[in-house]
């Protein structure tokens, strides 16, 4: 869980990156490794962000496994709207 008041700028950039990589398609799975290549986060940080955004309903974790713990995610319609704010 990420501690702090409100939705951080890093979370917003993360959603914007996933939205861009998915072509704004909620059905498309994006490799977490691909997201990390664009964002350059450490393993713990990306894990925490993914879990937080999944809990909020902005992303869906689709597969588990790989060097970054999670393999693939997809963005939700709510995530696309939040990224566009």
C-alpha atoms as a PDB file:
ATOM      1  CA  UNK A   1       0.000   0.000   0.000  1.00  0.00           C
ATOM      2  CA  UNK A   2       1.215   3.482  -0.774  1.00  0.00           C
ATOM      3  CA  UNK A   3       0.998   5.941   2.099  1.00  0.00           C
ATOM      4  CA  UNK A   4       0.175   9.584   1.517  1.00  0.00           C
ATOM      5  CA  UNK A   5      -2.645  11.942   0.809  1.00  0.00           C
ATOM      6  CA  UNK A   6      -4.387  11.676  -2.513  1.00  0.00           C
ATOM      7  CA  UNK A   7      -3.375  10.120  -5.794  1.00  0.00           C
ATOM      8  CA  UNK A   8       0.312  10.686  -6.444  1.00  0.00           C
ATOM      9  CA  UNK A   9       1.829  12.043  -9.623  1.00  0.00           C
ATOM     10  CA  UNK A  10       3.816   8.800 -10.008  1.00  0.00           C
ATOM     11  CA  UNK A  11       0.585   6.770  -9.974  1.00  0.00           C
ATOM     12  CA  UNK A  12      -0.912   9.075 -12.585  1.00  0.00           C
ATOM     13  CA  UNK A  13       2.192   8.723 -14.805  1.00  0.00           C
ATOM     14  CA  UNK A  14       2.018   4.963 -14.343  1.00  0.00           C
ATOM     15  CA  UNK A  15      -1.623   4.889 -15.524  1.00  0.00           C
ATOM     16  CA  UNK A  16      -0.789   7.185 -18.437  1.00  0.00           C
ATOM     17  CA  UNK A  17       2.035   4.834 -19.450  1.00  0.00           C
ATOM     18  CA  UNK A  18      -0.209   1.751 -19.292  1.00  0.00           C
ATOM     19  CA  UNK A  19      -2.940   3.590 -21.226  1.00  0.00           C
ATOM     20  CA  UNK A  20      -0.450   4.541 -23.935  1.00  0.00           C
ATOM     21  CA  UNK A  21       1.101   1.060 -24.158  1.00  0.00           C
ATOM     22  CA  UNK A  22      -2.341  -0.543 -24.419  1.00  0.00           C
ATOM     23  CA  UNK A  23      -3.486   1.830 -27.128  1.00  0.00           C
ATOM     24  CA  UNK A  24      -6.285   2.738 -24.705  1.00  0.00           C
ATOM     25  CA  UNK A  25      -7.717  -0.766 -25.151  1.00  0.00           C
ATOM     26  CA  UNK A  26      -9.103  -2.300 -21.938  1.00  0.00           C
ATOM     27  CA  UNK A  27      -8.867  -5.801 -23.441  1.00  0.00           C
ATOM     28  CA  UNK A  28      -5.155  -5.632 -24.228  1.00  0.00           C
ATOM     29  CA  UNK A  29      -2.683  -7.230 -21.822  1.00  0.00           C
ATOM     30  CA  UNK A  30       0.496  -5.292 -21.219  1.00  0.00           C
ATOM     31  CA  UNK A  31       3.669  -6.972 -19.976  1.00  0.00           C
ATOM     32  CA  UNK A  32       4.805  -5.552 -16.647  1.00  0.00           C
ATOM     33  CA  UNK A  33       8.367  -5.725 -17.982  1.00  0.00           C
ATOM     34  CA  UNK A  34       7.331  -3.389 -20.821  1.00  0.00           C
ATOM     35  CA  UNK A  35       5.831  -0.933 -18.309  1.00  0.00           C
ATOM     36  CA  UNK A  36       8.969  -1.101 -16.204  1.00  0.00           C
ATOM     37  CA  UNK A  37      11.170  -0.442 -19.237  1.00  0.00           C
ATOM     38  CA  UNK A  38       9.235   2.797 -19.750  1.00  0.00           C
ATOM     39  CA  UNK A  39       9.093   3.787 -16.058  1.00  0.00           C
ATOM     40  CA  UNK A  40      12.372   2.342 -14.661  1.00  0.00           C
ATOM     41  CA  UNK A  41      11.041   1.421 -11.202  1.00  0.00           C
ATOM     42  CA  UNK A  42      12.499  -1.110  -8.789  1.00  0.00           C
ATOM     43  CA  UNK A  43      10.755  -4.437  -8.197  1.00  0.00           C
ATOM     44  CA  UNK A  44       9.213  -3.481  -4.842  1.00  0.00           C
ATOM     45  CA  UNK A  45       7.957  -0.136  -6.078  1.00  0.00           C
ATOM     46  CA  UNK A  46       6.290  -1.548  -9.203  1.00  0.00           C
ATOM     47  CA  UNK A  47       4.707  -4.344  -7.119  1.00  0.00           C
ATOM     48  CA  UNK A  48       3.260  -1.818  -4.681  1.00  0.00           C
ATOM     49  CA  UNK A  49       1.932   0.458  -7.431  1.00  0.00           C
ATOM     50  CA  UNK A  50       0.330  -2.452  -9.289  1.00  0.00           C
ATOM     51  CA  UNK A  51      -1.371  -3.761  -6.161  1.00  0.00           C
ATOM     52  CA  UNK A  52      -2.571  -0.278  -5.196  1.00  0.00           C
ATOM     53  CA  UNK A  53      -4.003   0.500  -8.649  1.00  0.00           C
ATOM     54  CA  UNK A  54      -5.594  -2.959  -8.834  1.00  0.00           C
ATOM     55  CA  UNK A  55      -7.219  -2.385  -5.439  1.00  0.00           C
ATOM     56  CA  UNK A  56      -8.608   0.957  -6.659  1.00  0.00           C
ATOM     57  CA  UNK A  57      -9.987  -0.715  -9.799  1.00  0.00           C
ATOM     58  CA  UNK A  58      -7.792   1.200 -12.261  1.00  0.00           C
ATOM     59  CA  UNK A  59      -5.844  -1.884 -13.392  1.00  0.00           C
ATOM     60  CA  UNK A  60      -6.414  -5.623 -13.406  1.00  0.00           C
ATOM     61  CA  UNK A  61      -3.522  -7.946 -12.701  1.00  0.00           C
ATOM     62  CA  UNK A  62      -3.870 -10.669 -15.337  1.00  0.00           C
ATOM     63  CA  UNK A  63      -0.883 -12.975 -14.779  1.00  0.00           C
ATOM     64  CA  UNK A  64       1.507 -13.666 -11.939  1.00  0.00           C
ATOM     65  CA  UNK A  65       5.136 -14.631 -12.409  1.00  0.00           C
ATOM     66  CA  UNK A  66       8.337 -13.341 -13.843  1.00  0.00           C
ATOM     67  CA  UNK A  67      11.133 -11.164 -12.532  1.00  0.00           C
ATOM     68  CA  UNK A  68       8.760  -8.377 -11.470  1.00  0.00           C
ATOM     69  CA  UNK A  69       6.322 -10.703  -9.622  1.00  0.00           C
ATOM     70  CA  UNK A  70       3.431  -9.876 -11.950  1.00  0.00           C
ATOM     71  CA  UNK A  71       3.524 -10.762 -15.637  1.00  0.00           C
ATOM     72  CA  UNK A  72       0.711  -8.848 -17.327  1.00  0.00           C
ATOM     73  CA  UNK A  73      -1.913  -6.230 -16.500  1.00  0.00           C
ATOM     74  CA  UNK A  74      -4.742  -4.521 -18.309  1.00  0.00           C
ATOM     75  CA  UNK A  75      -6.154  -1.084 -17.739  1.00  0.00           C
ATOM     76  CA  UNK A  76      -9.820  -0.649 -16.830  1.00  0.00           C
ATOM     77  CA  UNK A  77     -12.214   1.971 -18.153  1.00  0.00           C
ATOM     78  CA  UNK A  78     -11.893   3.737 -14.779  1.00  0.00           C
ATOM     79  CA  UNK A  79      -8.114   3.679 -15.212  1.00  0.00           C
ATOM     80  CA  UNK A  80      -8.379   5.258 -18.651  1.00  0.00           C
ATOM     81  CA  UNK A  81     -10.588   8.005 -17.232  1.00  0.00           C
ATOM     82  CA  UNK A  82      -8.191   8.621 -14.324  1.00  0.00           C
ATOM     83  CA  UNK A  83      -5.213   8.760 -16.711  1.00  0.00           C
ATOM     84  CA  UNK A  84      -7.043  11.358 -18.820  1.00  0.00           C
ATOM     85  CA  UNK A  85      -7.768  13.681 -15.856  1.00  0.00           C
END
